């Protein structure tokens, strides 16, 4: 049983719930980063931070659903976005290595 740290609005707060909440915050907050980057460029843009937040948020949510909740639906719904985020992050990093370096 996970230790309950407190009660907020009738919801028991545990370490795993805090992990899940942080994952949700990162996964949802990435859209604010994307919105800000697109606004600055004047066109749709997905900065590397978007993919890092996606991957971190998915990893935290996977941990929550695997270890804290034991919920296969949550695992499956976060596994695919994690794979896509990792793939796009690797593509972005590979593209940076191909660009000529300016000094």
N, C-alpha and C. Protein backbone atom coordinates (compact mmCIF):
# COMPACT_ATOMS: atom_id res chain seq x y z
N UNK A 1 0.85 -1.19 0.00
CA UNK A 1 0.00 0.00 0.00
C UNK A 1 0.88 1.24 0.00
N UNK A 2 0.54 2.17 -0.84
CA UNK A 2 1.28 3.42 -0.95
C UNK A 2 0.91 4.33 0.22
N UNK A 3 1.89 5.02 0.76
CA UNK A 3 1.67 5.93 1.88
C UNK A 3 0.83 7.14 1.42
N UNK A 4 -0.20 7.46 2.16
CA UNK A 4 -1.05 8.61 1.86
C UNK A 4 -0.50 9.81 2.61
N UNK A 5 -0.17 10.87 1.87
CA UNK A 5 0.41 12.08 2.46
C UNK A 5 -0.63 13.09 2.90
N UNK A 6 -1.78 13.00 2.34
CA UNK A 6 -2.81 13.98 2.69
C UNK A 6 -4.04 13.76 1.85
N UNK A 7 -4.98 14.64 2.02
CA UNK A 7 -6.24 14.56 1.31
C UNK A 7 -6.53 15.95 0.74
N UNK A 8 -6.74 16.01 -0.56
CA UNK A 8 -7.02 17.29 -1.22
C UNK A 8 -8.31 17.14 -2.02
N UNK A 9 -9.33 17.86 -1.61
CA UNK A 9 -10.64 17.81 -2.28
C UNK A 9 -11.18 16.39 -2.35
N UNK A 10 -10.93 15.61 -1.30
CA UNK A 10 -11.44 14.24 -1.26
C UNK A 10 -10.59 13.23 -2.01
N UNK A 11 -9.43 13.65 -2.50
CA UNK A 11 -8.52 12.77 -3.23
C UNK A 11 -7.31 12.49 -2.35
N UNK A 12 -7.04 11.22 -2.09
CA UNK A 12 -5.87 10.85 -1.30
C UNK A 12 -4.61 11.09 -2.13
N UNK A 13 -3.67 11.83 -1.57
CA UNK A 13 -2.42 12.16 -2.27
C UNK A 13 -1.36 11.15 -1.86
N UNK A 14 -0.82 10.45 -2.85
CA UNK A 14 0.24 9.47 -2.63
C UNK A 14 1.43 9.83 -3.51
N UNK A 15 2.54 9.18 -3.28
CA UNK A 15 3.71 9.41 -4.11
C UNK A 15 3.45 9.07 -5.57
N UNK A 16 2.73 7.98 -5.80
CA UNK A 16 2.43 7.61 -7.19
C UNK A 16 1.49 8.61 -7.85
N UNK A 17 0.54 9.14 -7.08
CA UNK A 17 -0.35 10.15 -7.66
C UNK A 17 0.43 11.42 -8.01
N UNK A 18 1.36 11.80 -7.14
CA UNK A 18 2.20 12.97 -7.47
C UNK A 18 3.01 12.71 -8.73
N UNK A 19 3.51 11.48 -8.90
CA UNK A 19 4.22 11.11 -10.13
C UNK A 19 3.30 11.24 -11.33
N UNK A 20 2.09 10.74 -11.20
CA UNK A 20 1.11 10.83 -12.28
C UNK A 20 0.74 12.27 -12.61
N UNK A 21 0.54 13.08 -11.56
CA UNK A 21 0.20 14.49 -11.78
C UNK A 21 1.33 15.23 -12.50
N UNK A 22 2.57 14.95 -12.11
CA UNK A 22 3.70 15.58 -12.78
C UNK A 22 3.76 15.16 -14.25
N UNK A 23 3.48 13.88 -14.51
CA UNK A 23 3.44 13.40 -15.89
C UNK A 23 2.37 14.11 -16.70
N UNK A 24 1.20 14.26 -16.12
CA UNK A 24 0.10 14.97 -16.81
C UNK A 24 0.49 16.42 -17.05
N UNK A 25 1.10 17.07 -16.06
CA UNK A 25 1.53 18.47 -16.19
C UNK A 25 2.53 18.62 -17.35
N UNK A 26 3.51 17.73 -17.41
CA UNK A 26 4.50 17.79 -18.50
C UNK A 26 3.86 17.49 -19.85
N UNK A 27 3.03 16.45 -19.88
CA UNK A 27 2.43 16.04 -21.15
C UNK A 27 1.48 17.10 -21.68
N UNK A 28 0.72 17.73 -20.80
CA UNK A 28 -0.20 18.80 -21.24
C UNK A 28 0.54 20.11 -21.47
N UNK A 29 1.54 20.40 -20.61
CA UNK A 29 2.28 21.66 -20.72
C UNK A 29 3.09 21.79 -21.99
N UNK A 30 3.40 20.65 -22.62
CA UNK A 30 4.18 20.71 -23.86
C UNK A 30 3.45 21.50 -24.94
N UNK A 31 2.12 21.51 -24.87
CA UNK A 31 1.35 22.26 -25.87
C UNK A 31 1.52 23.76 -25.70
N UNK A 32 1.75 24.22 -24.48
CA UNK A 32 2.03 25.64 -24.27
C UNK A 32 3.37 26.01 -24.90
N UNK A 33 4.35 25.12 -24.78
CA UNK A 33 5.66 25.34 -25.42
C UNK A 33 5.48 25.39 -26.94
N UNK A 34 4.71 24.46 -27.47
CA UNK A 34 4.49 24.42 -28.91
C UNK A 34 3.75 25.67 -29.38
N UNK A 35 2.76 26.10 -28.64
CA UNK A 35 2.00 27.31 -28.98
C UNK A 35 2.90 28.53 -28.99
N UNK A 36 3.74 28.67 -27.97
CA UNK A 36 4.65 29.80 -27.87
C UNK A 36 5.67 29.79 -29.02
N UNK A 37 6.25 28.63 -29.31
CA UNK A 37 7.22 28.52 -30.40
C UNK A 37 6.58 28.84 -31.75
N UNK A 38 5.37 28.36 -31.96
CA UNK A 38 4.67 28.65 -33.23
C UNK A 38 4.34 30.13 -33.35
N UNK A 39 3.95 30.74 -32.24
CA UNK A 39 3.65 32.17 -32.25
C UNK A 39 4.90 32.98 -32.62
N UNK A 40 6.04 32.61 -32.05
CA UNK A 40 7.29 33.33 -32.35
C UNK A 40 7.71 33.18 -33.81
N UNK A 41 7.53 32.01 -34.37
CA UNK A 41 7.96 31.75 -35.75
C UNK A 41 6.92 32.14 -36.78
N UNK A 42 5.68 32.29 -36.35
CA UNK A 42 4.61 32.65 -37.28
C UNK A 42 4.14 31.47 -38.13
N UNK A 43 4.49 30.27 -37.70
CA UNK A 43 4.06 29.04 -38.38
C UNK A 43 4.16 27.89 -37.37
N UNK A 44 3.49 26.78 -37.66
CA UNK A 44 3.57 25.66 -36.71
C UNK A 44 5.03 25.22 -36.49
N UNK A 45 5.39 25.03 -35.23
CA UNK A 45 6.76 24.65 -34.89
C UNK A 45 6.72 23.73 -33.67
N UNK A 46 7.53 22.69 -33.71
CA UNK A 46 7.65 21.75 -32.60
C UNK A 46 9.11 21.75 -32.14
N UNK A 47 9.42 22.56 -31.13
CA UNK A 47 10.80 22.62 -30.66
C UNK A 47 11.19 21.34 -29.92
N UNK A 48 12.47 21.13 -29.75
CA UNK A 48 12.97 19.94 -29.07
C UNK A 48 12.37 19.80 -27.67
N UNK A 49 12.14 20.92 -27.01
CA UNK A 49 11.55 20.88 -25.66
C UNK A 49 10.20 20.17 -25.67
N UNK A 50 9.44 20.33 -26.74
CA UNK A 50 8.15 19.65 -26.87
C UNK A 50 8.34 18.14 -26.78
N UNK A 51 9.33 17.63 -27.52
CA UNK A 51 9.55 16.17 -27.55
C UNK A 51 10.12 15.67 -26.23
N UNK A 52 10.96 16.47 -25.59
CA UNK A 52 11.51 16.08 -24.28
C UNK A 52 10.40 16.03 -23.25
N UNK A 53 9.53 17.05 -23.24
CA UNK A 53 8.41 17.05 -22.30
C UNK A 53 7.46 15.89 -22.59
N UNK A 54 7.24 15.58 -23.87
CA UNK A 54 6.39 14.45 -24.23
C UNK A 54 6.96 13.15 -23.69
N UNK A 55 8.24 12.95 -23.90
CA UNK A 55 8.89 11.71 -23.46
C UNK A 55 8.89 11.61 -21.93
N UNK A 56 9.24 12.68 -21.25
CA UNK A 56 9.27 12.67 -19.78
C UNK A 56 7.86 12.48 -19.20
N UNK A 57 6.89 13.19 -19.76
CA UNK A 57 5.51 13.03 -19.30
C UNK A 57 5.00 11.62 -19.50
N UNK A 58 5.28 11.05 -20.67
CA UNK A 58 4.86 9.68 -20.93
C UNK A 58 5.55 8.70 -20.00
N UNK A 59 6.84 8.90 -19.74
CA UNK A 59 7.59 8.00 -18.85
C UNK A 59 7.01 8.04 -17.44
N UNK A 60 6.70 9.24 -16.95
CA UNK A 60 6.12 9.36 -15.61
C UNK A 60 4.73 8.73 -15.55
N UNK A 61 3.94 8.95 -16.59
CA UNK A 61 2.61 8.35 -16.61
C UNK A 61 2.69 6.83 -16.74
N UNK A 62 3.65 6.34 -17.52
CA UNK A 62 3.84 4.89 -17.59
C UNK A 62 4.22 4.32 -16.23
N UNK A 63 5.11 4.99 -15.52
CA UNK A 63 5.49 4.53 -14.19
C UNK A 63 4.27 4.51 -13.27
N UNK A 64 3.47 5.56 -13.33
CA UNK A 64 2.26 5.61 -12.51
C UNK A 64 1.31 4.46 -12.83
N UNK A 65 1.05 4.24 -14.13
CA UNK A 65 0.10 3.20 -14.51
C UNK A 65 0.65 1.79 -14.33
N UNK A 66 1.96 1.62 -14.39
CA UNK A 66 2.55 0.29 -14.19
C UNK A 66 2.66 -0.03 -12.70
N UNK A 67 3.30 0.87 -11.94
CA UNK A 67 3.63 0.58 -10.55
C UNK A 67 2.62 1.11 -9.55
N UNK A 68 2.01 2.25 -9.84
CA UNK A 68 1.10 2.86 -8.88
C UNK A 68 -0.33 2.41 -9.02
N UNK A 69 -0.76 2.16 -10.22
CA UNK A 69 -2.17 1.87 -10.47
C UNK A 69 -2.39 0.47 -11.01
N UNK A 70 -1.38 -0.13 -11.64
CA UNK A 70 -1.50 -1.44 -12.28
C UNK A 70 -2.67 -1.45 -13.27
N UNK A 71 -2.62 -0.52 -14.21
CA UNK A 71 -3.72 -0.29 -15.15
C UNK A 71 -3.21 -0.46 -16.58
N UNK A 72 -3.60 -1.55 -17.22
CA UNK A 72 -3.11 -1.84 -18.57
C UNK A 72 -3.63 -0.84 -19.61
N UNK A 73 -4.81 -0.28 -19.39
CA UNK A 73 -5.34 0.72 -20.33
C UNK A 73 -4.46 1.96 -20.30
N UNK A 74 -4.09 2.41 -19.11
CA UNK A 74 -3.20 3.57 -18.97
C UNK A 74 -1.83 3.30 -19.57
N UNK A 75 -1.33 2.08 -19.39
CA UNK A 75 -0.02 1.73 -19.96
C UNK A 75 -0.09 1.81 -21.48
N UNK A 76 -1.09 1.18 -22.07
CA UNK A 76 -1.20 1.18 -23.53
C UNK A 76 -1.44 2.57 -24.09
N UNK A 77 -2.20 3.40 -23.36
CA UNK A 77 -2.49 4.74 -23.88
C UNK A 77 -1.29 5.68 -23.77
N UNK A 78 -0.26 5.32 -23.00
CA UNK A 78 0.93 6.16 -22.87
C UNK A 78 2.16 5.56 -23.51
N UNK A 79 2.10 4.30 -23.86
CA UNK A 79 3.25 3.65 -24.47
C UNK A 79 3.49 4.16 -25.90
N UNK A 80 2.44 4.25 -26.69
CA UNK A 80 2.59 4.72 -28.07
C UNK A 80 3.10 6.15 -28.15
N UNK A 81 2.52 7.11 -27.38
CA UNK A 81 3.07 8.47 -27.43
C UNK A 81 4.54 8.53 -26.99
N UNK A 82 4.94 7.67 -26.07
CA UNK A 82 6.34 7.65 -25.63
C UNK A 82 7.25 7.23 -26.77
N UNK A 83 6.84 6.22 -27.52
CA UNK A 83 7.64 5.74 -28.66
C UNK A 83 7.73 6.82 -29.73
N UNK A 84 6.61 7.47 -30.03
CA UNK A 84 6.59 8.53 -31.04
C UNK A 84 7.47 9.71 -30.60
N UNK A 85 7.37 10.10 -29.34
CA UNK A 85 8.19 11.21 -28.84
C UNK A 85 9.68 10.87 -28.90
N UNK A 86 10.04 9.65 -28.53
CA UNK A 86 11.44 9.23 -28.60
C UNK A 86 11.94 9.24 -30.04
N UNK A 87 11.14 8.74 -30.95
CA UNK A 87 11.51 8.72 -32.36
C UNK A 87 11.73 10.14 -32.89
N UNK A 88 10.79 11.04 -32.61
CA UNK A 88 10.91 12.42 -33.08
C UNK A 88 12.07 13.15 -32.43
N UNK A 89 12.33 12.88 -31.16
CA UNK A 89 13.47 13.49 -30.48
C UNK A 89 14.78 13.02 -31.13
N UNK A 90 14.89 11.73 -31.44
CA UNK A 90 16.08 11.22 -32.11
C UNK A 90 16.24 11.82 -33.51
N UNK A 91 15.14 11.96 -34.25
CA UNK A 91 15.20 12.61 -35.57
C UNK A 91 15.68 14.05 -35.46
N UNK A 92 15.17 14.77 -34.47
CA UNK A 92 15.55 16.16 -34.27
C UNK A 92 17.04 16.27 -33.94
N UNK A 93 17.51 15.39 -33.07
CA UNK A 93 18.93 15.42 -32.70
C UNK A 93 19.82 15.03 -33.89
N UNK A 94 19.38 14.07 -34.67
CA UNK A 94 20.14 13.66 -35.86
C UNK A 94 20.20 14.79 -36.89
N UNK A 95 19.09 15.52 -37.04
CA UNK A 95 19.06 16.64 -37.99
C UNK A 95 20.03 17.73 -37.56
N UNK A 96 20.15 17.97 -36.26
CA UNK A 96 21.10 18.97 -35.75
C UNK A 96 22.53 18.59 -36.07
N UNK A 97 22.85 17.32 -35.99
CA UNK A 97 24.22 16.86 -36.28
C UNK A 97 24.57 17.04 -37.75
N UNK A 98 23.56 17.03 -38.62
CA UNK A 98 23.80 17.17 -40.05
C UNK A 98 23.99 18.60 -40.50
N UNK A 99 23.52 19.55 -39.68
CA UNK A 99 23.63 20.97 -40.04
C UNK A 99 25.08 21.41 -39.94
N UNK A 100 25.54 22.24 -40.88
CA UNK A 100 26.91 22.75 -40.77
C UNK A 100 27.04 23.65 -39.55
N UNK A 101 28.14 23.50 -38.83
CA UNK A 101 28.39 24.29 -37.63
C UNK A 101 28.96 25.65 -38.04
N UNK A 102 28.41 26.72 -37.49
CA UNK A 102 28.91 28.07 -37.75
C UNK A 102 29.59 28.58 -36.49
N UNK A 103 30.66 29.29 -36.65
CA UNK A 103 31.36 29.83 -35.49
C UNK A 103 31.35 31.33 -35.47
